[in-house]
Structure formats: C-alpha cells, structure tokens
Amino acid sequence: MRTAYSVETVRTAERELMARLPDGALMQRAAAGLAAACADVLGRVYGSRVVLLVGSGDNGGDALYAGARLARRGAGVSAVLLAPERAHGGGLAALRRAGGRTTGTDGAEGLIARADLVVDGIVGIGGKGGLRPEAVPLADAVGRARAAVVAVDLPSGVDADTGEVRGAAVRADLTVTFGTHKPGLLIDPAREYAGSVRLVDIGLSLPEEPELEALQHADVARLLPVPAVESDKYRRGVVGIAAGSSRYPGAAVLAVAGALRGGAGAVRYVGPAGQAVIARFPETLVSDGGPKHAGRVQAWVVGPGAGDDAATVAEVLATDVPVLIDADGLRLAETSAVRGRRAPTLMTPHAGEAAALLGVERREVEDGRLAAVRELAGRYGATVLLKGSTTLIASSGGGVVRVNPTGTSWLATAGSGDVLSGLGGSLLAAGLSAVDAASVAAYLHGLAGRFAADGAPMGAHDVAEGIAGAWRSVVRG
C-alpha cells in the first residue's frame, strides 16, 4: 500500500523526530537521499553542471547540502538564491566549503540554460497559491532548458495537500520526497508536474490512518473474489444491469461485458437492449420485465446509456442491495433517494458529471479533484469514484481517500466507463464493500487499458477483453 499524509501530519512527525536527533541530522538524511538521486539522474557526476534554485525554507537547505555533496564529487555547482538574506546558513557554508558558487537571480536564466541538472528547492511543502512573481521567470527558464529537473520534496508551485496548481509551477522529471508521499504527488494536476517520484525514508513515525492511499498489486490480489470449492453461480453473486436504450444499446453491451469479467457468478440484464446483449453474450440472463421482475440479484448497476428512463433508476434505488450509479443514472437519481438508501451506493461520475451534480464548472472539479470527490460523497451519503486522469474514491463517512495508480490516457474513449461500471457492479455482487469494489475495479480497468492499448488507440471492447489478463497479472504478482 502506498500512503500519503498531509503537511500538518508530516510537520508534526518531523518535529517529534528532530527532538530526538542531534541538530541538523534530519536535514542531512534528506540531503543524502537527494544527492544520491541526483547522482543517479546525472549518471556521471564529475564535470557535470548543476544549478540549485534555492528558496528560504528547509527545501532550500536540503538543496544546498545535497549540492555540497555533488560538488565534493567533482560537479560544478551553482546556487541561485532567491532570498540571499534568508537562505539556510549551514547549507550555504557547506556548499561554499565544497567549492560551490552562489549567485542572485540576475543571470540565472543563462546558468539554467547551460545546466545538466536543475534542483528545484524554491518552495517547500507548505507553499500555497503558486509561485511568487520573482520565481516565475526561473520556472519558465527551467521549462525551456534541456537539463533534467529534480524537485525537492514537491515541485515548487503545487499544493502538497490538494494537488491543485494555481499559477506557474516547476515541472520536474523526478521528485525526491522525504518520509512519505504527499497527496499532491498522487493527484492531478500536481501529479503531472512531479514526474517520477522517489521516496527517501528519513525515519518519520506516522499515524496509522493516512490522508490518501493507493492500492498495489498485492493489496488488490487479497481483495479479488475467488470461488470456493462448493460455490455455484448464485453463491458467487448475481449482478443486475439496468442500462442501455434504443439510442444507446452499446452501453448495455459494454456494461455487461465488464460485469461478466468481474467475479460474479451470473449477470442479469433488464432494458431495451436485450437482443443486442444476448447476441453478444448468450450467457446473460435477459429479462424484459424491469428490475422488480428480473429475479434475485446481489447488486445492481444502473444508468449507462439509460437516456431519460428515470423510472428504472428510481426502481433500482428502492432495492435493498448495493447499487452502482453511472452516466445517465447520475443525472436521473434523486438526491433524497440516494441518501435514504440503507444498502451501499457507489456513484461513478467523470469530471463533467461531478460538476453538474455539484453545480460548479467542470474546471473547478478538475483543478480540485480531492475536494470535489469528498464533497460529493458527503452530499449524497454514498461512496464516490471520480473518474479522470487521477481516479479518486471517497466514502460518505470521510476518512482515507483512495487514489488509483493504474491507467492510461488511451482509456479516454467512448464506452470505457460503461465497462468500468459493469466491472464494479460485479465486484459489489461478489461481496466487496463499495470502497473496495470501486478501488479494485479502477485498478483492473486501468491495467486492462494499459494492456489493450500498448501505446496505440483502442476501443472500450478491447478494455473489457483485457480485464482477464489484468486479473491474472495481479494474482501472479
């Protein structure tokens, strides 16, 4: 499990650790890890040109001490001081003793242009609201340079707690973060600025419950439903799919495709696309009598391609089994009906649908994904999976938010979300909680997308076909 903690939690852990260590020892640990990462990026340290962008905080101190280590190995190190009078004194002295140079911001763009490596130590994890005006030209110069860029703890200009980027920010190739991941390193848009992330253990003691967590292969493998020897199709769970319309029959087919690969023992379909579904998947149990007459199910999926069929959405929400609401179902579901449910509810909007539900612009959701998913979960009393470049899962009770680490931009294709809804519904029917079903579905869906695309365009049906391979890769580790 990969975890991320808030700035406040990290600061508290740092203070507790520093109280037990000799003065400056914690910064030296961080600097040693940073210097090692920089050396790995450079390949050959001796003779390389390194530019440190140094602000007034501890990140600037980390950069200076790391620069001193690189200078002692033969690198030519220049530190650009944004606030010379407030730069870390011990770090400055160490760099100068090692033969490094310091300069102000005048002429810094030329240094950056000639550098092999730029180390971003402008702003620490406490920075808010983007870069200060005096730092913006440096960030622009870094963006134009050919040098590799390593950020100290977090790219300057991004919000560590929310992943928001308000204004100019440094784009890094590698972020070396200390003690734990910060939420902004896992959530877009900030994640895009972080590049690869390398975690350096500095000995922090952190609480059991993080702010954010991301499942890994082993975590997902433990959650996957596996039929027992005595299992039959009903004991494994039956998922109902209420989806599709005369205009969008493909949504029903794709939702059923996802459901058939999600671990439940059987799939029941109700809706006007029965002929299309049975033609493609003859194992589906098709009914034309509506949800009430479909037979026993352990979970429902409602909404993909449903058009304006509000009656079916209301009928499904009135059941006493877990329900996944997607696509048109999100628009048609009454807030009171969702909040009034006793069985678990999982909502799976993309950013545009989430914005409509919250009554805000889409850009507000995309820029503040963590706040949006928490707000939706609280407002509807449901678990919410917010789809997008970063998929987030939040429960109505608050607590840890999950972020999905798999996926590919090729998943931005029509029908991909229908496959995800069927997959998630099947996992609900197999007995997983709403949070676990959402997390596992997003993980497998993302892996399936990677496998299906393999660097080229693909369709939603390819994603469905890739789920079995994704499942096997998780199980086999």
Protein backbone atom coordinates (compact mmCIF):
# COMPACT_ATOMS: atom_id res chain seq x y z
CA MET A 1 0.00 0.00 0.00
CA ARG A 2 1.34 3.42 -0.93
CA THR A 3 0.24 6.11 1.51
CA ALA A 4 0.28 9.90 1.60
CA TYR A 5 -0.01 12.24 4.59
CA SER A 6 -0.99 15.87 4.95
CA VAL A 7 1.53 18.64 5.51
CA GLU A 8 0.34 19.13 9.09
CA THR A 9 0.87 15.44 9.88
CA VAL A 10 4.31 15.45 8.29
CA ARG A 11 5.35 18.58 10.14
CA THR A 12 4.27 17.07 13.46
CA ALA A 13 6.22 13.87 12.77
CA GLU A 14 9.29 15.89 11.77
CA ARG A 15 9.20 17.93 14.98
CA GLU A 16 8.91 14.78 17.09
CA LEU A 17 11.85 13.19 15.29
CA MET A 18 14.04 16.30 15.42
CA ALA A 19 13.54 16.48 19.18
CA ARG A 20 15.30 13.10 19.45
CA LEU A 21 18.10 13.74 16.96
CA PRO A 22 21.21 15.95 17.00
CA ASP A 23 20.68 19.38 15.48
CA GLY A 24 20.64 19.20 11.68
CA ALA A 25 20.67 15.41 11.48
CA LEU A 26 17.25 15.17 9.82
CA MET A 27 18.22 17.61 7.07
CA GLN A 28 21.42 15.67 6.47
CA ARG A 29 19.40 12.48 5.99
CA ALA A 30 17.21 14.22 3.43
CA ALA A 31 20.18 15.79 1.67
CA ALA A 32 21.98 12.46 1.41
CA GLY A 33 18.97 10.86 -0.27
CA LEU A 34 18.53 13.85 -2.56
CA ALA A 35 22.20 13.84 -3.59
CA ALA A 36 22.08 10.11 -4.34
CA ALA A 37 19.01 10.58 -6.54
CA CYS A 38 20.65 13.49 -8.38
CA ALA A 39 23.76 11.39 -8.98
CA ASP A 40 21.61 8.63 -10.44
CA VAL A 41 19.96 11.11 -12.80
CA LEU A 42 23.31 12.54 -13.90
CA GLY A 43 24.99 9.20 -14.37
CA ARG A 44 28.42 10.84 -14.26
CA VAL A 45 28.73 13.45 -11.53
CA TYR A 46 32.32 14.60 -12.16
CA GLY A 47 32.35 17.54 -14.55
CA SER A 48 28.56 17.94 -14.67
CA ARG A 49 26.91 21.35 -14.31
CA VAL A 50 24.35 21.56 -11.53
CA VAL A 51 22.15 24.57 -10.74
CA LEU A 52 20.33 24.79 -7.41
CA LEU A 53 17.25 27.03 -7.19
CA VAL A 54 17.24 27.93 -3.51
CA GLY A 55 14.39 29.48 -1.57
CA SER A 56 14.29 30.48 2.08
CA GLY A 57 12.83 27.29 3.55
CA ASP A 58 14.15 23.90 4.55
CA ASN A 59 13.84 22.68 0.96
CA GLY A 60 16.46 25.24 0.06
CA GLY A 61 18.67 23.88 2.84
CA ASP A 62 18.21 20.34 1.56
CA ALA A 63 19.23 21.51 -1.93
CA LEU A 64 22.34 23.31 -0.61
CA TYR A 65 23.59 20.35 1.42
CA ALA A 66 22.91 17.99 -1.49
CA GLY A 67 24.73 20.40 -3.79
CA ALA A 68 27.73 20.33 -1.45
CA ARG A 69 27.84 16.54 -1.71
CA LEU A 70 27.75 16.73 -5.50
CA ALA A 71 30.45 19.43 -5.54
CA ARG A 72 32.74 17.20 -3.47
CA ARG A 73 32.35 14.58 -6.18
CA GLY A 74 33.54 16.99 -8.86
CA ALA A 75 30.35 18.62 -10.10
CA GLY A 76 30.29 22.32 -10.86
CA VAL A 77 27.50 23.55 -8.59
CA SER A 78 25.93 27.00 -8.69
CA ALA A 79 23.19 28.04 -6.26
CA VAL A 80 20.71 30.69 -7.35
CA LEU A 81 19.50 32.39 -4.15
CA LEU A 82 16.02 33.87 -4.41
CA ALA A 83 16.28 35.45 -0.95
CA PRO A 84 20.02 35.59 -0.07
CA GLU A 85 19.44 37.06 3.36
CA ARG A 86 17.13 34.18 4.33
CA ALA A 87 18.95 31.25 2.72
CA HIS A 88 19.88 28.37 5.03
CA GLY A 89 23.16 29.41 6.69
CA GLY A 90 24.56 25.95 7.35
CA GLY A 91 23.75 24.79 3.83
CA LEU A 92 25.37 27.86 2.29
CA ALA A 93 28.55 27.34 4.29
CA ALA A 94 28.70 23.65 3.33
CA LEU A 95 28.28 24.44 -0.36
CA ARG A 96 30.99 27.10 -0.34
CA ARG A 97 33.42 24.86 1.53
CA ALA A 98 32.89 22.21 -1.15
CA GLY A 99 33.72 24.69 -3.90
CA GLY A 100 30.19 25.59 -4.96
CA ARG A 101 29.24 29.10 -6.06
CA THR A 102 26.27 31.29 -5.16
CA THR A 103 24.56 33.99 -7.16
CA GLY A 104 21.38 36.05 -7.23
CA THR A 105 18.62 35.75 -9.79
CA ASP A 106 20.33 38.10 -12.27
CA GLY A 107 21.85 35.93 -14.95
CA ALA A 108 20.21 32.80 -13.56
CA GLU A 109 18.45 32.02 -16.83
CA GLY A 110 21.79 31.63 -18.58
CA LEU A 111 23.02 29.24 -15.89
CA ILE A 112 19.85 27.18 -16.21
CA ALA A 113 20.19 27.04 -19.98
CA ARG A 114 23.69 25.55 -19.70
CA ALA A 115 22.97 23.15 -16.84
CA ASP A 116 22.92 19.37 -16.96
CA LEU A 117 20.74 19.23 -13.85
CA VAL A 118 18.49 21.74 -12.10
CA VAL A 119 17.48 21.11 -8.49
CA ASP A 120 14.22 22.84 -7.52
CA GLY A 121 14.40 23.92 -3.88
CA ILE A 122 12.39 27.13 -4.25
CA VAL A 123 9.33 26.34 -2.12
CA GLY A 124 8.64 23.59 0.42
CA ILE A 125 5.54 21.55 1.12
CA GLY A 126 3.94 24.46 2.97
CA GLY A 127 3.75 26.62 -0.17
CA LYS A 128 0.29 27.79 -1.22
CA GLY A 129 -1.14 29.62 -4.19
CA GLY A 130 1.52 29.06 -6.82
CA LEU A 131 4.94 30.63 -7.24
CA ARG A 132 5.78 34.16 -6.15
CA PRO A 133 6.29 36.58 -9.07
CA GLU A 134 10.08 36.66 -8.65
CA ALA A 135 10.25 32.87 -9.07
CA VAL A 136 8.10 32.65 -12.20
CA PRO A 137 10.91 33.58 -14.66
CA LEU A 138 13.05 30.81 -13.16
CA ALA A 139 10.28 28.25 -13.60
CA ASP A 140 9.84 29.41 -17.19
CA ALA A 141 13.58 29.08 -17.81
CA VAL A 142 13.54 25.57 -16.35
CA GLY A 143 10.70 24.67 -18.73
CA ARG A 144 12.78 25.80 -21.72
CA ALA A 145 16.03 24.17 -20.63
CA ARG A 146 17.35 20.79 -21.72
CA ALA A 147 18.52 19.97 -18.21
CA ALA A 148 17.00 17.21 -16.12
CA VAL A 149 14.92 18.67 -13.28
CA VAL A 150 14.79 17.20 -9.76
CA ALA A 151 12.29 18.68 -7.30
CA VAL A 152 12.99 18.65 -3.57
CA ASP A 153 10.06 17.02 -1.75
CA LEU A 154 7.48 18.61 -4.09
CA PRO A 155 7.62 20.69 -7.29
CA SER A 156 7.53 24.36 -6.35
CA GLY A 157 4.15 25.97 -7.02
CA VAL A 158 1.91 22.94 -6.44
CA ASP A 159 -0.24 22.38 -3.36
CA ALA A 160 1.02 19.45 -1.30
CA ASP A 161 -2.32 18.70 0.35
CA THR A 162 -4.75 19.03 -2.55
CA GLY A 163 -2.84 18.55 -5.79
CA GLU A 164 -4.03 21.95 -7.02
CA VAL A 165 -1.81 24.13 -9.21
CA ARG A 166 -2.76 27.79 -9.05
CA GLY A 167 -0.47 29.62 -11.41
CA ALA A 168 3.06 28.91 -12.55
CA ALA A 169 4.88 25.86 -11.17
CA VAL A 170 8.07 23.92 -11.81
CA ARG A 171 7.77 20.78 -13.93
CA ALA A 172 10.11 18.08 -12.66
CA ASP A 173 11.41 14.90 -14.23
CA LEU A 174 11.92 13.42 -10.76
CA THR A 175 10.61 14.42 -7.36
CA VAL A 176 12.56 13.21 -4.34
CA THR A 177 10.16 13.25 -1.41
CA PHE A 178 11.04 12.62 2.23
CA GLY A 179 9.40 10.42 4.85
CA THR A 180 6.13 9.84 2.98
CA HIS A 181 4.29 10.76 -0.16
CA LYS A 182 2.27 13.95 -0.04
CA PRO A 183 -1.26 13.90 -1.54
CA GLY A 184 -0.28 16.34 -4.28
CA LEU A 185 2.24 13.85 -5.64
CA LEU A 186 -0.56 11.37 -6.36
CA ILE A 187 -3.35 13.67 -7.57
CA ASP A 188 -3.63 15.60 -10.82
CA PRO A 189 -2.99 18.25 -11.88
CA ALA A 190 0.02 18.37 -9.49
CA ARG A 191 0.98 14.79 -10.26
CA GLU A 192 1.78 15.82 -13.84
CA TYR A 193 4.37 18.26 -12.52
CA ALA A 194 6.09 15.72 -10.26
CA GLY A 195 7.42 13.31 -12.90
CA SER A 196 8.69 10.10 -11.35
CA VAL A 197 8.64 10.05 -7.55
CA ARG A 198 11.39 8.63 -5.33
CA LEU A 199 10.64 8.21 -1.63
CA VAL A 200 13.52 8.65 0.82
CA ASP A 201 12.97 7.15 4.28
CA ILE A 202 14.11 9.62 6.94
CA GLY A 203 12.67 7.76 9.93
CA LEU A 204 9.32 9.51 10.47
CA SER A 205 6.75 7.88 12.76
CA LEU A 206 3.38 8.45 11.09
CA PRO A 207 -0.20 7.73 12.21
CA GLU A 208 -1.90 4.52 11.15
CA GLU A 209 -4.52 6.32 9.04
CA PRO A 210 -3.14 8.36 6.13
CA GLU A 211 -4.81 11.11 4.15
CA LEU A 212 -4.61 9.14 0.92
CA GLU A 213 -3.77 5.58 -0.05
CA ALA A 214 -3.09 3.78 -3.31
CA LEU A 215 -3.51 0.03 -3.63
CA GLN A 216 -0.71 -2.03 -5.15
CA HIS A 217 -0.81 -5.47 -6.79
CA ALA A 218 -0.62 -7.37 -3.50
CA ASP A 219 -3.45 -5.32 -1.95
CA VAL A 220 -5.72 -5.91 -4.93
CA ALA A 221 -4.87 -9.62 -5.05
CA ARG A 222 -6.07 -10.01 -1.44
CA LEU A 223 -9.41 -8.41 -2.34
CA LEU A 224 -10.20 -10.33 -5.53
CA PRO A 225 -13.15 -12.74 -5.11
CA VAL A 226 -12.14 -16.37 -5.56
CA PRO A 227 -14.86 -19.07 -5.81
CA ALA A 228 -14.73 -21.77 -3.17
CA VAL A 229 -14.96 -25.47 -3.99
CA GLU A 230 -18.67 -25.57 -3.15
CA SER A 231 -19.52 -22.32 -4.97
CA ASP A 232 -22.20 -22.14 -7.64
CA LYS A 233 -23.19 -19.20 -9.79
CA TYR A 234 -25.63 -17.89 -7.20
CA ARG A 235 -23.25 -18.17 -4.26
CA ARG A 236 -20.66 -16.24 -6.23
CA GLY A 237 -23.16 -13.41 -6.61
CA VAL A 238 -25.51 -12.22 -9.33
CA VAL A 239 -25.29 -8.67 -10.67
CA GLY A 240 -28.19 -6.92 -12.36
CA ILE A 241 -27.53 -4.49 -15.20
CA ALA A 242 -30.23 -1.91 -15.95
CA ALA A 243 -28.70 0.00 -18.83
CA GLY A 244 -28.98 0.93 -22.47
CA SER A 245 -31.75 2.36 -24.60
CA SER A 246 -32.87 2.25 -28.20
CA ARG A 247 -30.42 5.08 -28.86
CA TYR A 248 -27.53 3.64 -26.83
CA PRO A 249 -27.72 -0.17 -26.93
CA GLY A 250 -23.91 -0.38 -26.93
CA ALA A 251 -23.74 0.97 -23.38
CA ALA A 252 -25.68 -2.07 -22.19
CA VAL A 253 -23.42 -4.45 -24.12
CA LEU A 254 -20.27 -2.87 -22.70
CA ALA A 255 -21.60 -2.79 -19.12
CA VAL A 256 -22.48 -6.47 -19.39
CA ALA A 257 -19.02 -7.17 -20.83
CA GLY A 258 -17.41 -5.59 -17.78
CA ALA A 259 -19.76 -7.40 -15.41
CA LEU A 260 -19.09 -10.83 -16.89
CA ARG A 261 -15.40 -10.40 -16.13
CA GLY A 262 -15.78 -9.09 -12.61
CA GLY A 263 -16.07 -12.21 -10.48
CA ALA A 264 -19.83 -12.57 -10.03
CA GLY A 265 -21.42 -15.88 -10.94
CA ALA A 266 -24.12 -14.55 -13.27
CA VAL A 267 -25.33 -11.36 -14.93
CA ARG A 268 -29.00 -10.43 -15.29
CA TYR A 269 -29.87 -7.74 -17.82
CA VAL A 270 -33.04 -5.66 -17.97
CA GLY A 271 -33.73 -2.99 -20.55
CA PRO A 272 -34.49 -2.37 -24.21
CA ALA A 273 -31.13 -3.65 -25.49
CA GLY A 274 -31.78 -7.30 -24.64
CA GLN A 275 -31.37 -8.56 -28.20
CA ALA A 276 -28.02 -6.82 -28.62
CA VAL A 277 -26.82 -8.16 -25.27
CA ILE A 278 -27.85 -11.76 -25.85
CA ALA A 279 -26.39 -11.72 -29.36
CA ARG A 280 -23.00 -10.76 -27.97
CA PHE A 281 -23.15 -12.59 -24.61
CA PRO A 282 -25.53 -15.56 -24.72
CA GLU A 283 -24.70 -16.46 -21.11
CA THR A 284 -26.51 -13.31 -19.89
CA LEU A 285 -29.89 -13.81 -18.17
CA VAL A 286 -32.11 -11.35 -20.04
CA SER A 287 -35.45 -10.11 -18.74
CA ASP A 288 -37.89 -7.59 -20.20
CA GLY A 289 -40.00 -7.18 -17.07
CA GLY A 290 -37.98 -4.43 -15.35
CA PRO A 291 -35.81 -4.68 -12.22
CA LYS A 292 -38.61 -5.89 -9.96
CA HIS A 293 -39.19 -8.95 -12.11
CA ALA A 294 -35.59 -9.76 -13.07
CA GLY A 295 -35.02 -12.28 -10.30
CA ARG A 296 -32.73 -12.21 -7.29
CA VAL A 297 -29.53 -10.18 -7.55
CA GLN A 298 -26.84 -9.23 -5.03
CA ALA A 299 -26.13 -5.82 -6.64
CA TRP A 300 -27.39 -3.54 -9.39
CA VAL A 301 -25.72 -1.32 -11.98
CA VAL A 302 -27.99 1.40 -13.32
CA GLY A 303 -27.61 4.29 -15.72
CA PRO A 304 -25.19 3.62 -18.60
CA GLY A 305 -26.95 4.71 -21.79
CA ALA A 306 -30.29 4.90 -19.95
CA GLY A 307 -31.40 8.12 -21.64
CA ASP A 308 -34.31 9.58 -19.69
CA ASP A 309 -35.58 6.41 -18.02
CA ALA A 310 -35.96 7.88 -14.56
CA ALA A 311 -38.49 5.22 -13.51
CA THR A 312 -35.95 2.40 -13.81
CA VAL A 313 -33.36 4.38 -11.88
CA ALA A 314 -35.86 5.02 -9.08
CA GLU A 315 -36.88 1.35 -9.05
CA VAL A 316 -33.30 0.19 -8.67
CA LEU A 317 -32.57 2.73 -5.93
CA ALA A 318 -35.56 1.41 -3.98
CA THR A 319 -33.98 -2.06 -3.71
CA ASP A 320 -32.17 -3.27 -0.61
CA VAL A 321 -28.94 -4.41 -2.34
CA PRO A 322 -25.80 -2.43 -3.25
CA VAL A 323 -26.24 -0.19 -6.29
CA LEU A 324 -23.71 1.38 -8.66
CA ILE A 325 -24.99 4.52 -10.41
CA ASP A 326 -23.28 5.71 -13.56
CA ALA A 327 -23.78 8.01 -16.57
CA ASP A 328 -27.43 8.98 -17.13
CA GLY A 329 -28.33 7.42 -13.81
CA LEU A 330 -26.37 10.12 -12.01
CA ARG A 331 -28.49 12.81 -13.62
CA LEU A 332 -31.76 10.96 -13.02
CA ALA A 333 -31.18 9.86 -9.42
CA GLU A 334 -32.91 11.96 -6.78
CA THR A 335 -30.53 13.09 -4.06
CA SER A 336 -33.01 12.12 -1.35
CA ALA A 337 -33.44 8.65 -2.83
CA VAL A 338 -29.68 8.07 -2.77
CA ARG A 339 -29.25 9.47 0.74
CA GLY A 340 -32.17 7.43 2.01
CA ARG A 341 -30.75 4.09 0.93
CA ARG A 342 -29.64 1.65 3.63
CA ALA A 343 -27.64 -0.59 1.33
CA PRO A 344 -24.31 0.69 -0.05
CA THR A 345 -24.36 3.04 -3.03
CA LEU A 346 -21.45 3.66 -5.38
CA MET A 347 -21.53 6.63 -7.77
CA THR A 348 -19.05 6.80 -10.65
CA PRO A 349 -19.08 10.26 -12.29
CA HIS A 350 -16.47 11.78 -14.56
CA ALA A 351 -15.50 15.41 -14.01
CA GLY A 352 -18.30 16.83 -16.15
CA GLU A 353 -20.95 14.78 -14.37
CA ALA A 354 -19.49 15.63 -10.98
CA ALA A 355 -19.56 19.33 -11.87
CA ALA A 356 -23.24 19.08 -12.83
CA LEU A 357 -24.07 17.33 -9.57
CA LEU A 358 -22.19 19.94 -7.55
CA GLY A 359 -23.47 22.90 -9.58
CA VAL A 360 -19.98 24.15 -10.50
CA GLU A 361 -17.87 24.48 -13.62
CA ARG A 362 -16.03 21.38 -14.85
CA ARG A 363 -12.69 23.16 -14.48
CA GLU A 364 -13.34 23.60 -10.76
CA VAL A 365 -13.64 19.83 -10.35
CA GLU A 366 -10.58 19.11 -12.48
CA ASP A 367 -8.48 21.63 -10.56
CA GLY A 368 -9.67 20.46 -7.14
CA ARG A 369 -10.38 16.75 -7.52
CA LEU A 370 -9.84 15.85 -3.87
CA ALA A 371 -12.27 18.47 -2.60
CA ALA A 372 -14.84 17.52 -5.25
CA VAL A 373 -14.88 13.79 -4.50
CA ARG A 374 -15.19 14.43 -0.76
CA GLU A 375 -17.98 16.94 -1.30
CA LEU A 376 -19.96 14.55 -3.50
CA ALA A 377 -19.59 11.65 -1.09
CA GLY A 378 -20.80 13.78 1.80
CA ARG A 379 -23.66 15.36 -0.12
CA TYR A 380 -25.09 12.05 -1.38
CA GLY A 381 -24.18 9.81 1.55
CA ALA A 382 -22.53 7.45 -0.93
CA THR A 383 -19.16 6.14 -1.96
CA VAL A 384 -17.96 8.14 -4.96
CA LEU A 385 -15.47 7.09 -7.63
CA LEU A 386 -14.42 10.23 -9.50
CA LYS A 387 -13.05 9.18 -12.88
CA GLY A 388 -10.34 11.02 -14.76
CA SER A 389 -6.60 11.34 -15.15
CA THR A 390 -6.48 10.62 -11.43
CA THR A 391 -9.30 8.37 -10.25
CA LEU A 392 -10.24 9.02 -6.62
CA ILE A 393 -12.55 7.05 -4.33
CA ALA A 394 -14.12 8.60 -1.23
CA SER A 395 -16.67 7.22 1.22
CA SER A 396 -19.51 9.20 2.75
CA GLY A 397 -18.04 8.88 6.23
CA GLY A 398 -14.87 10.76 5.31
CA GLY A 399 -11.53 9.26 6.24
CA VAL A 400 -8.95 7.92 3.84
CA VAL A 401 -9.39 8.68 0.15
CA ARG A 402 -8.07 6.11 -2.30
CA VAL A 403 -6.27 7.03 -5.49
CA ASN A 404 -5.90 4.61 -8.38
CA PRO A 405 -2.30 4.24 -9.61
CA THR A 406 -3.09 2.39 -12.87
CA GLY A 407 -4.45 3.61 -16.17
CA THR A 408 -3.52 5.23 -19.45
CA SER A 409 -4.69 8.27 -21.37
CA TRP A 410 -5.95 5.87 -24.06
CA LEU A 411 -8.80 5.00 -21.67
CA ALA A 412 -10.39 8.31 -22.63
CA THR A 413 -12.56 6.56 -25.20
CA ALA A 414 -16.32 6.16 -25.61
CA GLY A 415 -17.77 3.29 -23.60
CA SER A 416 -14.77 2.77 -21.33
CA GLY A 417 -16.79 3.99 -18.34
CA ASP A 418 -19.59 1.53 -19.15
CA VAL A 419 -17.10 -1.33 -18.87
CA LEU A 420 -15.90 0.06 -15.53
CA SER A 421 -19.45 0.28 -14.17
CA GLY A 422 -20.19 -3.34 -15.06
CA LEU A 423 -16.93 -4.48 -13.53
CA GLY A 424 -17.57 -2.53 -10.32
CA GLY A 425 -21.12 -3.82 -10.05
CA SER A 426 -19.95 -7.41 -10.41
CA LEU A 427 -17.44 -6.92 -7.60
CA LEU A 428 -20.21 -5.49 -5.42
CA ALA A 429 -22.32 -8.56 -6.12
CA ALA A 430 -19.36 -10.80 -5.25
CA GLY A 431 -19.36 -9.29 -1.77
CA LEU A 432 -16.79 -6.48 -1.79
CA SER A 433 -17.57 -3.26 0.06
CA ALA A 434 -18.31 -0.20 -2.05
CA VAL A 435 -14.87 1.29 -1.43
CA ASP A 436 -13.08 -1.98 -2.21
CA ALA A 437 -15.24 -2.71 -5.26
CA ALA A 438 -14.54 0.77 -6.63
CA SER A 439 -10.81 0.51 -5.90
CA VAL A 440 -10.37 -2.95 -7.40
CA ALA A 441 -12.49 -2.11 -10.44
CA ALA A 442 -10.49 1.05 -11.14
CA TYR A 443 -7.21 -0.82 -10.70
CA LEU A 444 -8.13 -3.70 -13.03
CA HIS A 445 -9.76 -1.34 -15.53
CA GLY A 446 -6.61 0.78 -15.63
CA LEU A 447 -4.36 -2.24 -16.11
CA ALA A 448 -6.65 -3.64 -18.79
CA GLY A 449 -6.47 -0.30 -20.59
CA ARG A 450 -2.68 -0.36 -20.50
CA PHE A 451 -2.54 -3.91 -21.80
CA ALA A 452 -5.11 -3.29 -24.52
CA ALA A 453 -3.58 -0.04 -25.74
CA ASP A 454 0.10 -0.96 -25.60
CA GLY A 455 0.88 2.53 -26.89
CA ALA A 456 -1.81 2.64 -29.58
CA PRO A 457 -5.51 3.56 -29.83
CA MET A 458 -8.06 1.00 -28.69
CA GLY A 459 -11.80 0.74 -28.04
CA ALA A 460 -13.85 0.04 -24.95
CA HIS A 461 -14.44 -3.57 -26.07
CA ASP A 462 -10.65 -4.03 -26.03
CA VAL A 463 -10.60 -2.87 -22.40
CA ALA A 464 -13.24 -5.45 -21.48
CA GLU A 465 -11.23 -8.15 -23.22
CA GLY A 466 -8.13 -7.06 -21.28
CA ILE A 467 -9.66 -7.49 -17.82
CA ALA A 468 -8.85 -11.21 -17.61
CA GLY A 469 -5.20 -10.52 -18.36
CA ALA A 470 -5.13 -7.74 -15.79
CA TRP A 471 -6.70 -10.06 -13.20
CA ARG A 472 -4.08 -12.74 -13.89
CA SER A 473 -1.21 -10.24 -13.66
CA VAL A 474 -2.42 -9.11 -10.23
CA VAL A 475 -2.81 -12.66 -8.93
CA ARG A 476 0.60 -13.69 -10.20
CA GLY A 477 2.24 -10.55 -8.88
